[in-house]
Amino acid sequence: MSYNIQAGVDTKKYRHYLTQGWKHVLPHRDRQVNLDLIAGMIRPFDIVGLQEVDSGSLRSGFLDQTEYLAHRAQFPFWFEQINRKIGKLAQHSNGLLSRMRPTQVNEYKLPGLPGRGVIMCHFGGDNGLSICIMHLALGHRARMRQIQFVSELISNQRHAIVMGDMNCSCESDEMQLLVKNTNLRQSGCGSGTFPSWRPMRRIDHILVSDSLLVENARVLDYPMSDHLPIGIDVLIPKELDLAA
C-alpha cells in the first residue's frame, strides 16, 4: 500500500487549503482521530509506504506519526526519512511500515530542490525483494531528474516494487521514462487518487517488476487526506528469496 496522509489532515474541499491551512502548522484534536482511523485501514497490509508523514513537530503534538502508526497498526518494523524541517513547526517525511524484517534500508535525497527523498528497502538475500518509497517534486523538470535517479537505483534489482506520490499521471513523460528504463510495469491506472473528495487525477502509483504477479490493484475509498490510498496484492514467485 502507498498513502500520502498529509500529516493527518483530512482536507475535504479545495477551500479547506485556505480555511484550515493552520492545521498544517498547529496541532488539533482531529489529527489524532484521523491517525487512529488510518491505522485501522492499513492494518491488513504487509508493507505500507507513507508520504507527508510528520516525524514529531509542533503540528503533530511532537508525535512521530510513522512510529505511532507502526505501533497502532501492529507493524513490528518501521523506518522514516525526514526530508524537510521547518523549525519546530513541521518535519516532512517518508515512512515505511513492514511486517517482515528488512535486511537493508537506505535513504537517498532526490535531485532538485531540498525536501524530496526516497527510501530503498531490501528483503531477503541476493534474489530478494526491493521496495522504493518516494515523493516526487511538483515541477516536471525536477521529476524527470528524480525518475532517472530512481531508475538507476533499481536497475540491478530483479524483483522490485516502486510506490509513492509521483505528482504525475500514468501517461506522463516521467512514468513512461521509468517504465522504459527499468523492468517495472504499472499496476493500475483506472481510478483517480487526487483530490480525495473528487478524485480526477491519478498521481499516486505502485509499479512492480515483470517478475511479480499483481492481483486486486485498487484505489481505496478512504478520504482521510487530500489523497486516496492505493493498494495491491502481489504473488511472490518461488525463486524469490525473502529469508533474512
C-alpha atoms as a PDB file:
ATOM      1  CA  MET A   1       0.000   0.000   0.000  1.00  0.00           C
ATOM      2  CA  SER A   2       1.001   3.601  -0.622  1.00  0.00           C
ATOM      3  CA  TYR A   3      -0.641   6.566   1.094  1.00  0.00           C
ATOM      4  CA  ASN A   4       0.056  10.290   1.258  1.00  0.00           C
ATOM      5  CA  ILE A   5      -1.543  11.038   4.632  1.00  0.00           C
ATOM      6  CA  GLN A   6      -0.974  14.835   4.609  1.00  0.00           C
ATOM      7  CA  ALA A   7       0.258  14.636   8.230  1.00  0.00           C
ATOM      8  CA  GLY A   8      -3.187  13.506   9.370  1.00  0.00           C
ATOM      9  CA  VAL A   9      -5.132  16.457   7.932  1.00  0.00           C
ATOM     10  CA  ASP A  10      -8.401  15.338   6.293  1.00  0.00           C
ATOM     11  CA  THR A  11      -8.928  18.012   3.632  1.00  0.00           C
ATOM     12  CA  LYS A  12     -12.378  17.613   2.052  1.00  0.00           C
ATOM     13  CA  LYS A  13     -12.699  20.674  -0.190  1.00  0.00           C
ATOM     14  CA  TYR A  14     -10.328  22.984  -2.064  1.00  0.00           C
ATOM     15  CA  ARG A  15     -11.240  25.899   0.189  1.00  0.00           C
ATOM     16  CA  HIS A  16     -10.008  23.915   3.192  1.00  0.00           C
ATOM     17  CA  TYR A  17      -6.446  24.529   1.996  1.00  0.00           C
ATOM     18  CA  LEU A  18      -7.099  28.156   2.991  1.00  0.00           C
ATOM     19  CA  THR A  19      -9.674  27.976   5.773  1.00  0.00           C
ATOM     20  CA  GLN A  20      -7.938  25.065   7.509  1.00  0.00           C
ATOM     21  CA  GLY A  21      -4.390  25.842   6.465  1.00  0.00           C
ATOM     22  CA  TRP A  22      -3.471  26.454  10.107  1.00  0.00           C
ATOM     23  CA  LYS A  23      -3.724  22.689  10.685  1.00  0.00           C
ATOM     24  CA  HIS A  24      -0.512  22.265   8.698  1.00  0.00           C
ATOM     25  CA  VAL A  25       1.474  24.221  11.304  1.00  0.00           C
ATOM     26  CA  LEU A  26      -0.521  23.878  14.541  1.00  0.00           C
ATOM     27  CA  PRO A  27      -1.837  20.842  16.432  1.00  0.00           C
ATOM     28  CA  HIS A  28      -5.538  19.971  16.520  1.00  0.00           C
ATOM     29  CA  ARG A  29      -7.535  17.199  18.171  1.00  0.00           C
ATOM     30  CA  ASP A  30      -8.915  15.721  14.931  1.00  0.00           C
ATOM     31  CA  ARG A  31      -5.418  14.754  13.787  1.00  0.00           C
ATOM     32  CA  GLN A  32      -5.181  12.005  16.420  1.00  0.00           C
ATOM     33  CA  VAL A  33      -8.607  10.655  15.473  1.00  0.00           C
ATOM     34  CA  ASN A  34      -7.575  10.575  11.814  1.00  0.00           C
ATOM     35  CA  LEU A  35      -4.353   8.712  12.602  1.00  0.00           C
ATOM     36  CA  ASP A  36      -6.293   6.064  14.517  1.00  0.00           C
ATOM     37  CA  LEU A  37      -8.657   5.610  11.571  1.00  0.00           C
ATOM     38  CA  ILE A  38      -5.710   5.366   9.168  1.00  0.00           C
ATOM     39  CA  ALA A  39      -4.078   2.759  11.417  1.00  0.00           C
ATOM     40  CA  GLY A  40      -7.189   0.614  11.222  1.00  0.00           C
ATOM     41  CA  MET A  41      -7.292   0.906   7.449  1.00  0.00           C
ATOM     42  CA  ILE A  42      -3.624  -0.042   6.844  1.00  0.00           C
ATOM     43  CA  ARG A  43      -3.544  -2.938   9.335  1.00  0.00           C
ATOM     44  CA  PRO A  44      -4.401  -5.707   6.788  1.00  0.00           C
ATOM     45  CA  PHE A  45      -1.380  -4.872   4.600  1.00  0.00           C
ATOM     46  CA  ASP A  46       2.126  -6.342   4.873  1.00  0.00           C
ATOM     47  CA  ILE A  47       4.092  -3.326   3.601  1.00  0.00           C
ATOM     48  CA  VAL A  48       2.969   0.314   3.663  1.00  0.00           C
ATOM     49  CA  GLY A  49       4.722   3.309   2.134  1.00  0.00           C
ATOM     50  CA  LEU A  50       3.779   6.687   3.618  1.00  0.00           C
ATOM     51  CA  GLN A  51       4.300  10.180   2.287  1.00  0.00           C
ATOM     52  CA  GLU A  52       3.788  13.546   4.019  1.00  0.00           C
ATOM     53  CA  VAL A  53       4.071  11.954   7.442  1.00  0.00           C
ATOM     54  CA  ASP A  54       5.300  14.142  10.306  1.00  0.00           C
ATOM     55  CA  SER A  55       8.231  12.908  12.386  1.00  0.00           C
ATOM     56  CA  GLY A  56       7.438  14.839  15.556  1.00  0.00           C
ATOM     57  CA  SER A  57       6.912  18.596  15.499  1.00  0.00           C
ATOM     58  CA  LEU A  58       4.553  21.238  16.851  1.00  0.00           C
ATOM     59  CA  ARG A  59       1.785  20.497  14.349  1.00  0.00           C
ATOM     60  CA  SER A  60       1.696  16.798  15.293  1.00  0.00           C
ATOM     61  CA  GLY A  61       1.910  17.483  19.014  1.00  0.00           C
ATOM     62  CA  PHE A  62       5.522  16.258  18.799  1.00  0.00           C
ATOM     63  CA  LEU A  63       4.220  12.801  17.908  1.00  0.00           C
ATOM     64  CA  ASP A  64       6.292  10.729  15.497  1.00  0.00           C
ATOM     65  CA  GLN A  65       3.472   9.659  13.196  1.00  0.00           C
ATOM     66  CA  THR A  66       5.366   6.831  11.482  1.00  0.00           C
ATOM     67  CA  GLU A  67       6.223   5.258  14.824  1.00  0.00           C
ATOM     68  CA  TYR A  68       2.691   5.810  16.103  1.00  0.00           C
ATOM     69  CA  LEU A  69       1.072   4.161  13.077  1.00  0.00           C
ATOM     70  CA  ALA A  70       3.516   1.256  13.286  1.00  0.00           C
ATOM     71  CA  HIS A  71       2.568   0.549  16.891  1.00  0.00           C
ATOM     72  CA  ARG A  72      -1.133   1.244  16.433  1.00  0.00           C
ATOM     73  CA  ALA A  73      -1.420  -0.985  13.342  1.00  0.00           C
ATOM     74  CA  GLN A  74       0.939  -3.599  14.840  1.00  0.00           C
ATOM     75  CA  PHE A  75       3.785  -3.365  12.343  1.00  0.00           C
ATOM     76  CA  PRO A  76       6.955  -4.659  14.043  1.00  0.00           C
ATOM     77  CA  PHE A  77       9.344  -2.867  11.672  1.00  0.00           C
ATOM     78  CA  TRP A  78       9.311   0.771  10.619  1.00  0.00           C
ATOM     79  CA  PHE A  79      11.634   3.384   9.187  1.00  0.00           C
ATOM     80  CA  GLU A  80      11.312   7.080   8.391  1.00  0.00           C
ATOM     81  CA  GLN A  81      13.195   9.563   6.253  1.00  0.00           C
ATOM     82  CA  ILE A  82      12.992  13.227   7.248  1.00  0.00           C
ATOM     83  CA  ASN A  83      13.191  15.306   4.084  1.00  0.00           C
ATOM     84  CA  ARG A  84      12.276  18.809   5.196  1.00  0.00           C
ATOM     85  CA  LYS A  85      12.372  20.510   8.591  1.00  0.00           C
ATOM     86  CA  ILE A  86      10.574  23.809   9.131  1.00  0.00           C
ATOM     87  CA  GLY A  87      11.952  24.722  12.536  1.00  0.00           C
ATOM     88  CA  LYS A  88       9.791  23.161  15.233  1.00  0.00           C
ATOM     89  CA  LEU A  89       6.633  23.600  13.162  1.00  0.00           C
ATOM     90  CA  ALA A  90       6.858  20.632  10.766  1.00  0.00           C
ATOM     91  CA  GLN A  91       9.017  17.677   9.769  1.00  0.00           C
ATOM     92  CA  HIS A  92       8.001  16.358   6.339  1.00  0.00           C
ATOM     93  CA  SER A  93       8.947  12.700   5.957  1.00  0.00           C
ATOM     94  CA  ASN A  94       8.522   9.444   4.080  1.00  0.00           C
ATOM     95  CA  GLY A  95       7.732   6.338   6.101  1.00  0.00           C
ATOM     96  CA  LEU A  96       7.960   2.566   5.763  1.00  0.00           C
ATOM     97  CA  LEU A  97       5.907   0.063   7.769  1.00  0.00           C
ATOM     98  CA  SER A  98       6.595  -3.654   7.383  1.00  0.00           C
ATOM     99  CA  ARG A  99       5.603  -6.998   8.854  1.00  0.00           C
ATOM    100  CA  MET A 100       8.800  -8.562   7.514  1.00  0.00           C
ATOM    101  CA  ARG A 101      12.257  -7.743   8.813  1.00  0.00           C
ATOM    102  CA  PRO A 102      14.247  -5.872   6.137  1.00  0.00           C
ATOM    103  CA  THR A 103      17.825  -6.938   5.538  1.00  0.00           C
ATOM    104  CA  GLN A 104      18.864  -3.443   4.444  1.00  0.00           C
ATOM    105  CA  VAL A 105      17.333   0.041   4.429  1.00  0.00           C
ATOM    106  CA  ASN A 106      18.867   3.077   2.716  1.00  0.00           C
ATOM    107  CA  GLU A 107      17.634   6.613   2.236  1.00  0.00           C
ATOM    108  CA  TYR A 108      18.569   8.967  -0.580  1.00  0.00           C
ATOM    109  CA  LYS A 109      17.975  12.627  -1.285  1.00  0.00           C
ATOM    110  CA  LEU A 110      16.431  13.144  -4.697  1.00  0.00           C
ATOM    111  CA  PRO A 111      17.841  15.619  -7.246  1.00  0.00           C
ATOM    112  CA  GLY A 112      16.330  19.097  -7.317  1.00  0.00           C
ATOM    113  CA  LEU A 113      15.467  21.494  -4.527  1.00  0.00           C
ATOM    114  CA  PRO A 114      15.903  20.121  -0.986  1.00  0.00           C
ATOM    115  CA  GLY A 115      12.935  18.349   0.556  1.00  0.00           C
ATOM    116  CA  ARG A 116      12.400  15.246  -1.589  1.00  0.00           C
ATOM    117  CA  GLY A 117      13.674  11.755  -0.912  1.00  0.00           C
ATOM    118  CA  VAL A 118      13.346   8.033  -1.460  1.00  0.00           C
ATOM    119  CA  ILE A 119      13.558   5.092   0.944  1.00  0.00           C
ATOM    120  CA  MET A 120      15.004   1.910  -0.551  1.00  0.00           C
ATOM    121  CA  CYS A 121      14.433  -1.252   1.448  1.00  0.00           C
ATOM    122  CA  HIS A 122      15.587  -4.788   0.660  1.00  0.00           C
ATOM    123  CA  PHE A 123      14.071  -8.019   1.951  1.00  0.00           C
ATOM    124  CA  GLY A 124      15.855 -11.356   1.777  1.00  0.00           C
ATOM    125  CA  GLY A 125      19.046 -12.328   0.010  1.00  0.00           C
ATOM    126  CA  ASP A 126      20.580 -11.516  -3.363  1.00  0.00           C
ATOM    127  CA  ASN A 127      17.425 -12.690  -5.133  1.00  0.00           C
ATOM    128  CA  GLY A 128      15.147 -10.883  -2.698  1.00  0.00           C
ATOM    129  CA  LEU A 129      12.649  -8.051  -2.977  1.00  0.00           C
ATOM    130  CA  SER A 130      13.469  -4.330  -3.145  1.00  0.00           C
ATOM    131  CA  ILE A 131      10.940  -1.638  -2.216  1.00  0.00           C
ATOM    132  CA  CYS A 132      11.244   2.067  -3.072  1.00  0.00           C
ATOM    133  CA  ILE A 133       9.024   4.680  -1.402  1.00  0.00           C
ATOM    134  CA  MET A 134       9.166   8.229  -2.730  1.00  0.00           C
ATOM    135  CA  HIS A 135       7.500  11.607  -3.002  1.00  0.00           C
ATOM    136  CA  LEU A 136       8.435  13.403  -6.207  1.00  0.00           C
ATOM    137  CA  ALA A 137       8.617  17.139  -6.916  1.00  0.00           C
ATOM    138  CA  LEU A 138       5.848  19.355  -8.258  1.00  0.00           C
ATOM    139  CA  GLY A 139       7.880  20.542 -11.265  1.00  0.00           C
ATOM    140  CA  HIS A 140       8.206  18.482 -14.449  1.00  0.00           C
ATOM    141  CA  ARG A 141      11.930  19.071 -14.957  1.00  0.00           C
ATOM    142  CA  ALA A 142      12.793  18.066 -11.391  1.00  0.00           C
ATOM    143  CA  ARG A 143      10.617  14.961 -11.627  1.00  0.00           C
ATOM    144  CA  MET A 144      12.397  13.827 -14.787  1.00  0.00           C
ATOM    145  CA  ARG A 145      15.741  14.050 -12.973  1.00  0.00           C
ATOM    146  CA  GLN A 146      14.328  12.246  -9.966  1.00  0.00           C
ATOM    147  CA  ILE A 147      12.875   9.446 -12.092  1.00  0.00           C
ATOM    148  CA  GLN A 148      16.251   8.997 -13.765  1.00  0.00           C
ATOM    149  CA  PHE A 149      17.872   8.750 -10.322  1.00  0.00           C
ATOM    150  CA  VAL A 150      15.370   6.126  -9.134  1.00  0.00           C
ATOM    151  CA  SER A 151      15.766   4.168 -12.377  1.00  0.00           C
ATOM    152  CA  GLU A 152      19.482   3.879 -11.712  1.00  0.00           C
ATOM    153  CA  LEU A 153      18.850   2.846  -8.095  1.00  0.00           C
ATOM    154  CA  ILE A 154      16.801  -0.192  -9.075  1.00  0.00           C
ATOM    155  CA  SER A 155      18.476  -1.024 -12.398  1.00  0.00           C
ATOM    156  CA  ASN A 156      20.080  -4.175 -10.961  1.00  0.00           C
ATOM    157  CA  GLN A 157      17.075  -5.324  -8.926  1.00  0.00           C
ATOM    158  CA  ARG A 158      15.276  -8.323 -10.422  1.00  0.00           C
ATOM    159  CA  HIS A 159      12.281  -8.084  -8.088  1.00  0.00           C
ATOM    160  CA  ALA A 160      11.212  -4.556  -7.164  1.00  0.00           C
ATOM    161  CA  ILE A 161       8.183  -2.507  -6.158  1.00  0.00           C
ATOM    162  CA  VAL A 162       8.224   1.280  -6.517  1.00  0.00           C
ATOM    163  CA  MET A 163       5.484   3.302  -4.856  1.00  0.00           C
ATOM    164  CA  GLY A 164       4.587   6.796  -3.820  1.00  0.00           C
ATOM    165  CA  ASP A 165       3.129  10.180  -4.624  1.00  0.00           C
ATOM    166  CA  MET A 166       4.646  10.797  -8.056  1.00  0.00           C
ATOM    167  CA  ASN A 167       2.772  14.063  -8.768  1.00  0.00           C
ATOM    168  CA  CYS A 168       2.262  12.955 -12.383  1.00  0.00           C
ATOM    169  CA  SER A 169      -0.165  10.811 -14.367  1.00  0.00           C
ATOM    170  CA  CYS A 170       0.218   7.308 -15.783  1.00  0.00           C
ATOM    171  CA  GLU A 171       0.632   8.758 -19.278  1.00  0.00           C
ATOM    172  CA  SER A 172       3.222  11.377 -18.290  1.00  0.00           C
ATOM    173  CA  ASP A 173       6.747  11.585 -19.664  1.00  0.00           C
ATOM    174  CA  GLU A 174       8.055  10.756 -16.211  1.00  0.00           C
ATOM    175  CA  MET A 175       6.154   7.485 -15.883  1.00  0.00           C
ATOM    176  CA  GLN A 176       6.980   6.472 -19.432  1.00  0.00           C
ATOM    177  CA  LEU A 177      10.666   7.087 -18.713  1.00  0.00           C
ATOM    178  CA  LEU A 178      10.530   4.959 -15.558  1.00  0.00           C
ATOM    179  CA  VAL A 179       8.919   2.051 -17.409  1.00  0.00           C
ATOM    180  CA  LYS A 180      11.318   2.387 -20.336  1.00  0.00           C
ATOM    181  CA  ASN A 181      14.472   2.415 -18.193  1.00  0.00           C
ATOM    182  CA  THR A 182      13.514  -0.469 -15.879  1.00  0.00           C
ATOM    183  CA  ASN A 183      11.670  -3.783 -15.828  1.00  0.00           C
ATOM    184  CA  LEU A 184       8.786  -2.101 -13.996  1.00  0.00           C
ATOM    185  CA  ARG A 185       5.191  -2.001 -15.141  1.00  0.00           C
ATOM    186  CA  GLN A 186       2.242  -0.059 -13.831  1.00  0.00           C
ATOM    187  CA  SER A 187      -0.166  -1.951 -11.602  1.00  0.00           C
ATOM    188  CA  GLY A 188      -3.289   0.066 -12.307  1.00  0.00           C
ATOM    189  CA  CYS A 189      -4.314   3.421 -13.736  1.00  0.00           C
ATOM    190  CA  GLY A 190      -8.086   3.270 -13.889  1.00  0.00           C
ATOM    191  CA  SER A 191      -9.170   5.377 -10.915  1.00  0.00           C
ATOM    192  CA  GLY A 192      -8.034   8.755  -9.643  1.00  0.00           C
ATOM    193  CA  THR A 193      -6.373   9.406  -6.292  1.00  0.00           C
ATOM    194  CA  PHE A 194      -6.397  13.212  -6.071  1.00  0.00           C
ATOM    195  CA  PRO A 195      -8.155  15.172  -4.740  1.00  0.00           C
ATOM    196  CA  SER A 196      -9.718  12.653  -2.393  1.00  0.00           C
ATOM    197  CA  TRP A 197     -13.162  14.300  -2.417  1.00  0.00           C
ATOM    198  CA  ARG A 198     -13.302  14.330  -6.234  1.00  0.00           C
ATOM    199  CA  PRO A 199     -10.515  12.021  -7.453  1.00  0.00           C
ATOM    200  CA  MET A 200      -9.956  13.106 -11.057  1.00  0.00           C
ATOM    201  CA  ARG A 201      -6.173  12.627 -11.270  1.00  0.00           C
ATOM    202  CA  ARG A 202      -4.067   9.501 -10.750  1.00  0.00           C
ATOM    203  CA  ILE A 203      -0.825  10.844  -9.288  1.00  0.00           C
ATOM    204  CA  ASP A 204      -0.163   8.083  -6.743  1.00  0.00           C
ATOM    205  CA  HIS A 205       1.312   4.907  -8.188  1.00  0.00           C
ATOM    206  CA  ILE A 206       2.642   1.437  -7.443  1.00  0.00           C
ATOM    207  CA  LEU A 207       4.851  -0.150 -10.103  1.00  0.00           C
ATOM    208  CA  VAL A 208       6.166  -3.713  -9.958  1.00  0.00           C
ATOM    209  CA  SER A 209       8.809  -5.748 -11.751  1.00  0.00           C
ATOM    210  CA  ASP A 210       7.581  -8.002 -14.533  1.00  0.00           C
ATOM    211  CA  SER A 211       8.584 -10.982 -12.367  1.00  0.00           C
ATOM    212  CA  LEU A 212       5.749 -10.222  -9.917  1.00  0.00           C
ATOM    213  CA  LEU A 213       2.092 -11.031 -10.490  1.00  0.00           C
ATOM    214  CA  VAL A 214      -0.323  -8.346  -9.300  1.00  0.00           C
ATOM    215  CA  GLU A 215      -3.824  -9.147  -8.130  1.00  0.00           C
ATOM    216  CA  ASN A 216      -6.531  -6.777  -6.965  1.00  0.00           C
ATOM    217  CA  ALA A 217      -4.891  -3.419  -7.707  1.00  0.00           C
ATOM    218  CA  ARG A 218      -7.208  -0.839  -6.235  1.00  0.00           C
ATOM    219  CA  VAL A 219      -7.803   2.691  -5.006  1.00  0.00           C
ATOM    220  CA  LEU A 220      -9.372   2.638  -1.560  1.00  0.00           C
ATOM    221  CA  ASP A 221     -12.280   4.967  -0.903  1.00  0.00           C
ATOM    222  CA  TYR A 222     -10.819   6.274   2.330  1.00  0.00           C
ATOM    223  CA  PRO A 223     -10.667  10.096   2.236  1.00  0.00           C
ATOM    224  CA  MET A 224      -8.675  10.813   5.401  1.00  0.00           C
ATOM    225  CA  SER A 225      -6.208  13.023   3.483  1.00  0.00           C
ATOM    226  CA  ASP A 226      -6.273  15.035   0.272  1.00  0.00           C
ATOM    227  CA  HIS A 227      -5.069  11.830  -1.462  1.00  0.00           C
ATOM    228  CA  LEU A 228      -6.683   8.400  -1.587  1.00  0.00           C
ATOM    229  CA  PRO A 229      -4.601   5.337  -0.652  1.00  0.00           C
ATOM    230  CA  ILE A 230      -3.732   2.685  -3.232  1.00  0.00           C
ATOM    231  CA  GLY A 231      -3.108  -0.991  -2.630  1.00  0.00           C
ATOM    232  CA  ILE A 232      -2.132  -4.148  -4.481  1.00  0.00           C
ATOM    233  CA  ASP A 233      -1.843  -7.843  -3.716  1.00  0.00           C
ATOM    234  CA  VAL A 234       1.330  -9.451  -5.081  1.00  0.00           C
ATOM    235  CA  LEU A 235       2.005 -13.133  -5.707  1.00  0.00           C
ATOM    236  CA  ILE A 236       5.628 -13.857  -4.827  1.00  0.00           C
ATOM    237  CA  PRO A 237       7.398 -16.260  -7.238  1.00  0.00           C
ATOM    238  CA  LYS A 238       9.018 -19.349  -5.730  1.00  0.00           C
ATOM    239  CA  GLU A 239      12.507 -18.279  -6.776  1.00  0.00           C
ATOM    240  CA  LEU A 240      12.261 -15.020  -4.822  1.00  0.00           C
ATOM    241  CA  ASP A 241      14.335 -15.325  -1.637  1.00  0.00           C
ATOM    242  CA  LEU A 242      12.720 -13.475   1.280  1.00  0.00           C
ATOM    243  CA  ALA A 243      14.633 -15.285   4.006  1.00  0.00           C
ATOM    244  CA  ALA A 244      16.617 -12.752   6.031  1.00  0.00           C
END
